Amino acid sequence: MDEQLKKRIEDVIGGHKIVLFMKGTKSFPQCGFSATVVEVLKRTNADFHTVNILQDPDIRQGLKDFSSWPTFPQLYVDGKFVGGCDIVRDMYAAGELQPVIDRALGRAAS
């Protein structure tokens, strides 16, 4: 991956506490996996930023190399890669996601 693309990705991740790289948008997800993660994040009352990878093929391909994760969506919290749909959904079901979100947003644990 070229340095310019790496910096673009790092700037997006560093510029937001919670970033979801997804197919579509928060209000119009364009795949079931992305829709699932959006719904989970809404249930945590998280304020999160989304990036529509369908509109940016460079980000779409570059992020696979950046994260060493081949699929989307990809969730980043506090600059760290959390995972894709299955991991996020499982963390939420186990009660593990809410504390991660709360810490990132500076909220008291729920």
C-alpha atoms as a PDB file:
ATOM      1  CA  MET A   1       0.000   0.000   0.000  1.00  0.00           C
ATOM      2  CA  ASP A   2       1.350   3.409  -0.848  1.00  0.00           C
ATOM      3  CA  GLU A   3       2.086   5.862   1.949  1.00  0.00           C
ATOM      4  CA  GLN A   4      -0.506   8.404   0.807  1.00  0.00           C
ATOM      5  CA  LEU A   5      -3.333   5.868   1.023  1.00  0.00           C
ATOM      6  CA  LYS A   6      -2.070   4.593   4.372  1.00  0.00           C
ATOM      7  CA  LYS A   7      -2.076   8.167   5.699  1.00  0.00           C
ATOM      8  CA  ARG A   8      -5.640   8.745   4.417  1.00  0.00           C
ATOM      9  CA  ILE A   9      -6.831   5.647   6.267  1.00  0.00           C
ATOM     10  CA  GLU A  10      -4.915   6.595   9.433  1.00  0.00           C
ATOM     11  CA  ASP A  11      -6.362  10.129   9.293  1.00  0.00           C
ATOM     12  CA  VAL A  12      -9.934   8.815   9.123  1.00  0.00           C
ATOM     13  CA  ILE A  13      -9.368   6.339  11.954  1.00  0.00           C
ATOM     14  CA  GLY A  14      -7.501   8.911  14.044  1.00  0.00           C
ATOM     15  CA  GLY A  15     -10.094  11.605  13.416  1.00  0.00           C
ATOM     16  CA  HIS A  16     -13.010   9.741  14.977  1.00  0.00           C
ATOM     17  CA  LYS A  17     -13.455   7.710  18.152  1.00  0.00           C
ATOM     18  CA  ILE A  18     -15.563   5.103  16.326  1.00  0.00           C
ATOM     19  CA  VAL A  19     -15.310   4.434  12.587  1.00  0.00           C
ATOM     20  CA  LEU A  20     -17.199   1.865  10.574  1.00  0.00           C
ATOM     21  CA  PHE A  21     -15.932   1.133   7.075  1.00  0.00           C
ATOM     22  CA  MET A  22     -18.993  -0.331   5.403  1.00  0.00           C
ATOM     23  CA  LYS A  23     -20.930  -0.915   2.222  1.00  0.00           C
ATOM     24  CA  GLY A  24     -23.384   1.965   2.023  1.00  0.00           C
ATOM     25  CA  THR A  25     -24.158   4.547   4.677  1.00  0.00           C
ATOM     26  CA  LYS A  26     -25.472   4.618   8.211  1.00  0.00           C
ATOM     27  CA  SER A  27     -28.922   5.510   6.917  1.00  0.00           C
ATOM     28  CA  PHE A  28     -28.773   3.195   3.893  1.00  0.00           C
ATOM     29  CA  PRO A  29     -26.557   0.133   4.427  1.00  0.00           C
ATOM     30  CA  GLN A  30     -26.026  -1.795   1.205  1.00  0.00           C
ATOM     31  CA  CYS A  31     -25.370  -5.248   2.628  1.00  0.00           C
ATOM     32  CA  GLY A  32     -26.785  -7.265   5.474  1.00  0.00           C
ATOM     33  CA  PHE A  33     -23.515  -7.433   7.381  1.00  0.00           C
ATOM     34  CA  SER A  34     -23.110  -3.661   7.326  1.00  0.00           C
ATOM     35  CA  ALA A  35     -26.757  -3.230   8.390  1.00  0.00           C
ATOM     36  CA  THR A  36     -26.188  -5.578  11.330  1.00  0.00           C
ATOM     37  CA  VAL A  37     -23.180  -3.648  12.623  1.00  0.00           C
ATOM     38  CA  VAL A  38     -24.980  -0.310  12.207  1.00  0.00           C
ATOM     39  CA  GLU A  39     -27.890  -1.686  14.258  1.00  0.00           C
ATOM     40  CA  VAL A  40     -25.560  -3.007  16.967  1.00  0.00           C
ATOM     41  CA  LEU A  41     -23.780   0.355  17.204  1.00  0.00           C
ATOM     42  CA  LYS A  42     -27.110   2.170  17.437  1.00  0.00           C
ATOM     43  CA  ARG A  43     -28.066  -0.130  20.328  1.00  0.00           C
ATOM     44  CA  THR A  44     -24.922   0.972  22.171  1.00  0.00           C
ATOM     45  CA  ASN A  45     -25.968   4.624  21.682  1.00  0.00           C
ATOM     46  CA  ALA A  46     -22.641   5.200  19.972  1.00  0.00           C
ATOM     47  CA  ASP A  47     -21.935   8.297  17.931  1.00  0.00           C
ATOM     48  CA  PHE A  48     -20.002   6.789  15.046  1.00  0.00           C
ATOM     49  CA  HIS A  49     -18.554   7.843  11.718  1.00  0.00           C
ATOM     50  CA  THR A  50     -19.040   5.734   8.593  1.00  0.00           C
ATOM     51  CA  VAL A  51     -17.072   5.471   5.374  1.00  0.00           C
ATOM     52  CA  ASN A  52     -18.837   4.059   2.322  1.00  0.00           C
ATOM     53  CA  ILE A  53     -16.213   1.807   0.743  1.00  0.00           C
ATOM     54  CA  LEU A  54     -18.353   1.412  -2.380  1.00  0.00           C
ATOM     55  CA  GLN A  55     -17.594   5.041  -3.250  1.00  0.00           C
ATOM     56  CA  ASP A  56     -13.831   4.716  -2.793  1.00  0.00           C
ATOM     57  CA  PRO A  57     -12.198   1.650  -4.385  1.00  0.00           C
ATOM     58  CA  ASP A  58      -8.752   2.709  -3.129  1.00  0.00           C
ATOM     59  CA  ILE A  59      -9.918   2.697   0.485  1.00  0.00           C
ATOM     60  CA  ARG A  60     -11.816  -0.544  -0.099  1.00  0.00           C
ATOM     61  CA  GLN A  61      -8.708  -2.371  -1.295  1.00  0.00           C
ATOM     62  CA  GLY A  62      -6.222  -0.537   0.899  1.00  0.00           C
ATOM     63  CA  LEU A  63      -8.124  -1.247   4.102  1.00  0.00           C
ATOM     64  CA  LYS A  64      -7.873  -4.998   3.493  1.00  0.00           C
ATOM     65  CA  ASP A  65      -4.082  -4.634   3.553  1.00  0.00           C
ATOM     66  CA  PHE A  66      -4.106  -2.105   6.387  1.00  0.00           C
ATOM     67  CA  SER A  67      -6.128  -4.321   8.738  1.00  0.00           C
ATOM     68  CA  SER A  68      -5.121  -7.731   7.347  1.00  0.00           C
ATOM     69  CA  TRP A  69      -8.875  -8.418   7.305  1.00  0.00           C
ATOM     70  CA  PRO A  70     -10.387  -9.375   3.936  1.00  0.00           C
ATOM     71  CA  THR A  71     -14.060  -8.488   4.442  1.00  0.00           C
ATOM     72  CA  PHE A  72     -16.351  -5.607   5.288  1.00  0.00           C
ATOM     73  CA  PRO A  73     -17.650  -4.037   7.407  1.00  0.00           C
ATOM     74  CA  GLN A  74     -14.644  -3.204   9.572  1.00  0.00           C
ATOM     75  CA  LEU A  75     -15.071  -1.472  12.924  1.00  0.00           C
ATOM     76  CA  TYR A  76     -12.367   0.661  14.559  1.00  0.00           C
ATOM     77  CA  VAL A  77     -12.720   1.989  18.093  1.00  0.00           C
ATOM     78  CA  ASP A  78     -10.142   4.355  19.592  1.00  0.00           C
ATOM     79  CA  GLY A  79      -7.849   3.741  16.633  1.00  0.00           C
ATOM     80  CA  LYS A  80      -7.888  -0.042  17.062  1.00  0.00           C
ATOM     81  CA  PHE A  81      -9.415  -2.612  14.759  1.00  0.00           C
ATOM     82  CA  VAL A  82     -12.220  -4.432  16.570  1.00  0.00           C
ATOM     83  CA  GLY A  83     -13.440  -6.758  13.827  1.00  0.00           C
ATOM     84  CA  GLY A  84     -16.144  -7.490  11.329  1.00  0.00           C
ATOM     85  CA  CYS A  85     -19.799  -8.330  11.637  1.00  0.00           C
ATOM     86  CA  ASP A  86     -19.544 -11.662  13.462  1.00  0.00           C
ATOM     87  CA  ILE A  87     -17.036 -10.385  16.021  1.00  0.00           C
ATOM     88  CA  VAL A  88     -18.996  -7.181  16.692  1.00  0.00           C
ATOM     89  CA  ARG A  89     -22.277  -9.067  16.991  1.00  0.00           C
ATOM     90  CA  ASP A  90     -20.750 -11.675  19.314  1.00  0.00           C
ATOM     91  CA  MET A  91     -19.083  -9.021  21.480  1.00  0.00           C
ATOM     92  CA  TYR A  92     -22.411  -7.195  21.795  1.00  0.00           C
ATOM     93  CA  ALA A  93     -24.280 -10.393  22.715  1.00  0.00           C
ATOM     94  CA  ALA A  94     -21.657 -11.228  25.356  1.00  0.00           C
ATOM     95  CA  GLY A  95     -21.805  -7.717  26.855  1.00  0.00           C
ATOM     96  CA  GLU A  96     -18.221  -7.005  25.802  1.00  0.00           C
ATOM     97  CA  LEU A  97     -18.833  -4.293  23.211  1.00  0.00           C
ATOM     98  CA  GLN A  98     -20.655  -1.739  25.376  1.00  0.00           C
ATOM     99  CA  PRO A  99     -17.692  -1.167  27.745  1.00  0.00           C
ATOM    100  CA  VAL A 100     -15.348  -0.703  24.760  1.00  0.00           C
ATOM    101  CA  ILE A 101     -17.718   1.880  23.250  1.00  0.00           C
ATOM    102  CA  ASP A 102     -18.267   3.617  26.589  1.00  0.00           C
ATOM    103  CA  ARG A 103     -14.520   3.907  27.253  1.00  0.00           C
ATOM    104  CA  ALA A 104     -13.907   5.309  23.774  1.00  0.00           C
ATOM    105  CA  LEU A 105     -16.626   7.936  24.233  1.00  0.00           C
ATOM    106  CA  GLY A 106     -15.599   8.769  27.803  1.00  0.00           C
ATOM    107  CA  ARG A 107     -18.869   7.545  29.264  1.00  0.00           C
ATOM    108  CA  ALA A 108     -19.308   5.822  32.585  1.00  0.00           C
ATOM    109  CA  ALA A 109     -19.773   2.091  32.143  1.00  0.00           C
ATOM    110  CA  SER A 110     -23.401   1.109  31.691  1.00  0.00           C
END
